[in-house]
Protein backbone atom coordinates (compact mmCIF):
# COMPACT_ATOMS: atom_id res chain seq x y z
CA UNK A 1 114.10 74.67 21.95
CA UNK A 2 116.24 77.78 22.27
CA UNK A 3 119.49 77.38 24.20
CA UNK A 4 118.27 80.05 26.59
CA UNK A 5 114.92 78.44 27.34
CA UNK A 6 115.22 76.07 30.27
CA UNK A 7 113.73 72.60 29.87
CA UNK A 8 110.81 71.69 32.13
CA UNK A 9 112.96 68.93 33.60
CA UNK A 10 116.69 68.17 33.58
CA UNK A 11 116.25 64.54 34.57
CA UNK A 12 118.90 62.33 32.93
CA UNK A 13 118.35 58.60 32.71
CA UNK A 14 121.98 57.46 32.84
CA UNK A 15 124.50 59.12 35.11
CA UNK A 16 128.22 59.41 34.42
CA UNK A 17 130.44 57.56 36.90
CA UNK A 18 133.77 58.76 38.27
CA UNK A 19 135.39 55.69 39.83
CA UNK A 20 136.61 55.67 43.40
CA UNK A 21 140.29 56.55 43.56
CA UNK A 22 140.27 58.53 40.32
CA UNK A 23 142.54 61.55 40.74
CA UNK A 24 140.87 64.91 40.25
CA UNK A 25 142.49 68.34 40.12
CA UNK A 26 141.16 71.42 41.90
CA UNK A 27 142.26 74.97 41.15
CA UNK A 28 141.05 76.90 44.18
CA UNK A 29 141.32 80.01 46.33
CA UNK A 30 143.45 79.68 49.45
CA UNK A 31 140.30 79.69 51.59
CA UNK A 32 139.01 76.44 50.01
CA UNK A 33 141.93 73.98 49.87
CA UNK A 34 141.79 70.23 49.41
CA UNK A 35 138.20 68.96 49.22
CA UNK A 36 136.61 72.03 50.79
CA UNK A 37 133.23 73.05 49.34
CA UNK A 38 132.50 76.71 48.64
CA UNK A 39 129.45 77.86 50.67
CA UNK A 40 128.09 80.14 47.90
CA UNK A 41 130.75 82.79 48.51
CA UNK A 42 132.68 84.83 45.96
CA UNK A 43 131.87 86.04 42.47
CA UNK A 44 129.34 84.11 40.34
CA UNK A 45 130.76 81.55 37.91
CA UNK A 46 129.22 79.23 35.36
CA UNK A 47 127.92 76.76 37.94
CA UNK A 48 128.17 78.60 41.25
CA UNK A 49 126.61 79.73 43.46
CA UNK A 50 123.72 77.25 43.36
CA UNK A 51 120.56 77.39 45.44
CA UNK A 52 117.50 75.29 46.12
CA UNK A 53 114.01 76.50 45.23
CA UNK A 54 113.70 77.85 48.78
CA UNK A 55 116.95 79.80 48.50
CA UNK A 56 119.17 77.50 50.54
CA UNK A 57 122.79 77.31 49.42
CA UNK A 58 124.05 74.18 47.65
CA UNK A 59 127.81 74.25 48.41
CA UNK A 60 129.95 73.45 45.39
CA UNK A 61 133.38 72.17 44.48
CA UNK A 62 134.90 72.59 41.00
CA UNK A 63 137.23 69.83 39.79
CA UNK A 64 138.64 68.51 36.53
CA UNK A 65 140.36 65.45 35.17
CA UNK A 66 143.60 67.32 34.37
CA UNK A 67 145.70 70.15 35.84
CA UNK A 68 145.22 72.23 32.69
CA UNK A 69 141.44 71.88 32.60
CA UNK A 70 141.19 72.85 36.27
CA UNK A 71 143.07 76.05 35.43
CA UNK A 72 141.16 76.77 32.22
CA UNK A 73 137.80 76.36 33.96
CA UNK A 74 138.72 78.78 36.76
CA UNK A 75 141.48 81.38 36.40
CA UNK A 76 141.90 81.18 32.61
CA UNK A 77 138.19 81.05 31.74
CA UNK A 78 138.10 83.65 28.98
CA UNK A 79 139.34 82.70 25.48
CA UNK A 80 142.58 84.66 24.99
CA UNK A 81 143.61 86.40 21.82
CA UNK A 82 147.13 86.12 20.58
CA UNK A 83 149.65 87.61 23.02
CA UNK A 84 146.99 87.89 25.75
CA UNK A 85 148.37 88.21 29.27
CA UNK A 86 147.27 87.36 32.81
CA UNK A 87 148.56 89.26 35.84
CA UNK A 88 150.76 87.15 38.11
CA UNK A 89 149.35 88.79 41.24
CA UNK A 90 145.93 87.27 40.46
CA UNK A 91 147.47 83.85 41.18
CA UNK A 92 148.98 84.73 44.55
CA UNK A 93 145.98 83.44 46.52
CA UNK A 94 145.50 80.38 44.32
CA UNK A 95 146.39 76.78 44.91
CA UNK A 96 145.99 73.36 43.33
CA UNK A 97 144.88 70.22 45.14
CA UNK A 98 144.77 66.64 43.94
CA UNK A 99 141.88 64.74 45.46
CA UNK A 100 140.36 61.29 44.94
CA UNK A 101 136.83 60.13 45.84
CA UNK A 102 136.70 57.26 48.29
CA UNK A 103 133.58 55.87 46.57
CA UNK A 104 132.20 56.12 43.03
CA UNK A 105 130.70 59.49 42.09
CA UNK A 106 127.50 59.59 40.05
CA UNK A 107 127.13 62.79 38.06
CA UNK A 108 124.58 64.30 35.70
CA UNK A 109 126.29 64.44 32.29
CA UNK A 110 126.02 67.60 30.25
CA UNK A 111 127.67 66.04 27.21
CA UNK A 112 126.37 66.56 23.66
CA UNK A 113 123.77 63.73 23.66
CA UNK A 114 122.29 64.70 27.02
CA UNK A 115 122.14 68.37 26.13
CA UNK A 116 120.44 67.43 22.86
CA UNK A 117 117.82 65.44 24.76
CA UNK A 118 117.06 68.64 26.72
CA UNK A 119 116.79 70.69 23.54
CA UNK A 120 120.09 72.44 24.24
CA UNK A 121 123.35 72.77 22.32
CA UNK A 122 126.84 72.46 23.77
CA UNK A 123 128.09 75.48 21.86
CA UNK A 124 125.52 77.84 23.31
CA UNK A 125 125.36 76.48 26.86
CA UNK A 126 129.13 76.32 27.22
CA UNK A 127 130.21 79.32 25.21
CA UNK A 128 133.05 81.09 27.06
CA UNK A 129 131.04 84.17 27.97
CA UNK A 130 129.61 85.39 31.25
CA UNK A 131 126.32 86.19 29.51
CA UNK A 132 125.31 82.51 29.78
CA UNK A 133 126.40 81.96 33.39
CA UNK A 134 123.01 82.66 34.97
CA UNK A 135 121.37 80.22 32.56
CA UNK A 136 123.98 77.56 33.34
CA UNK A 137 123.48 77.96 37.07
CA UNK A 138 119.73 77.52 36.71
CA UNK A 139 120.31 74.43 34.56
CA UNK A 140 122.55 72.94 37.25
CA UNK A 141 119.91 73.69 39.88
CA UNK A 142 117.36 71.81 37.77
CA UNK A 143 119.77 68.90 37.45
CA UNK A 144 120.15 68.87 41.25
CA UNK A 145 116.36 68.98 41.71
CA UNK A 146 115.48 66.34 39.12
CA UNK A 147 118.28 63.85 39.84
CA UNK A 148 118.13 63.31 43.62
CA UNK A 149 120.84 60.63 43.64
CA UNK A 150 123.29 62.66 41.55
CA UNK A 151 126.27 64.18 43.34
CA UNK A 152 127.15 66.80 40.74
CA UNK A 153 127.28 67.61 37.03
CA UNK A 154 130.03 66.88 34.50
CA UNK A 155 130.82 68.29 31.05
CA UNK A 156 133.57 68.51 28.45
CA UNK A 157 135.89 71.31 29.50
CA UNK A 158 134.99 74.52 27.71
CA UNK A 159 138.63 75.47 27.17
CA UNK A 160 140.26 72.03 26.93
CA UNK A 161 138.15 69.50 25.05
CA UNK A 162 140.36 66.54 25.97
CA UNK A 163 139.33 66.83 29.63
CA UNK A 164 136.22 66.61 31.77
CA UNK A 165 135.20 69.31 34.23
CA UNK A 166 132.69 68.94 37.02
CA UNK A 167 130.91 70.67 39.86
CA UNK A 168 130.07 68.55 42.90
CA UNK A 169 127.17 69.16 45.28
CA UNK A 170 128.20 69.78 48.86
CA UNK A 171 124.83 68.81 50.31
CA UNK A 172 125.29 65.28 48.93
CA UNK A 173 129.02 64.96 49.50
CA UNK A 174 131.38 66.09 52.25
CA UNK A 175 135.15 66.66 52.35
CA UNK A 176 135.47 63.31 54.14
CA UNK A 177 134.29 61.58 50.93
CA UNK A 178 137.68 62.40 49.38
CA UNK A 179 141.31 61.60 50.00
CA UNK A 180 143.40 64.74 49.69
CA UNK A 181 146.59 63.60 47.98
CA UNK A 182 148.32 66.97 47.74
CA UNK A 183 147.72 70.69 48.16
CA UNK A 184 150.13 73.27 46.78
CA UNK A 185 149.89 77.04 46.99
CA UNK A 186 151.46 79.60 44.67
CA UNK A 187 152.53 81.69 47.68
CA UNK A 188 154.73 78.88 49.04
CA UNK A 189 155.58 76.75 45.99
CA UNK A 190 157.26 78.67 43.13
CA UNK A 191 157.16 75.59 40.89
CA UNK A 192 153.36 75.86 40.85
CA UNK A 193 153.60 79.28 39.20
CA UNK A 194 155.83 77.69 36.56
CA UNK A 195 153.14 75.09 35.90
CA UNK A 196 150.48 77.78 35.61
CA UNK A 197 152.73 79.60 33.14
CA UNK A 198 153.10 76.46 31.03
CA UNK A 199 149.34 75.93 31.04
CA UNK A 200 148.69 79.53 30.07
CA UNK A 201 151.27 79.38 27.29
CA UNK A 202 149.58 76.30 25.84
CA UNK A 203 146.56 78.48 25.02
CA UNK A 204 148.54 81.53 23.92
CA UNK A 205 148.50 83.44 27.21
CA UNK A 206 151.51 84.77 29.10
CA UNK A 207 151.75 85.37 32.85
CA UNK A 208 152.85 88.98 33.30
CA UNK A 209 154.15 90.90 36.33
């Protein structure tokens, strides 16, 4: 099956569990701090906005298992070339929250075996290019439809293979399902900008004025 032909079903037999209390990192806009779900607002991304077959919004929350992956999956999405730069002002409305689920999360895995079972390849589905975003969103919508007990999807971070990234479904979870351990904003915490700079430098990007 071609990577750009959706499977008839995205039902996965075994879900991936994120244990209660596991610390997750969110890189978010100032309007969606802590464990706030995005109500289908803002520019399209790989897995948002999501909608039901009748057009209703499925609120979403991006998270990752590490600080770096949370940044790479959001603000530093594009693969940089050597000496690439990122404007500092683009980070001014950004923040990072550490959250932990109060109960186990059960997610649809989009790892290599599961993608293979759907006739898809990781390289094509998760290539760092906006040309595949619409396909990825439709795939996530199928996963939501065909796995009614799943609370989101999880995959190996596109930009940081040592980490897991995930999108959680806000119609099956609420902010109260998480403990918010910390929220920091670039506008009020200069050390956060330093951490963003370190993360960017790890992939060959510099934060410029």
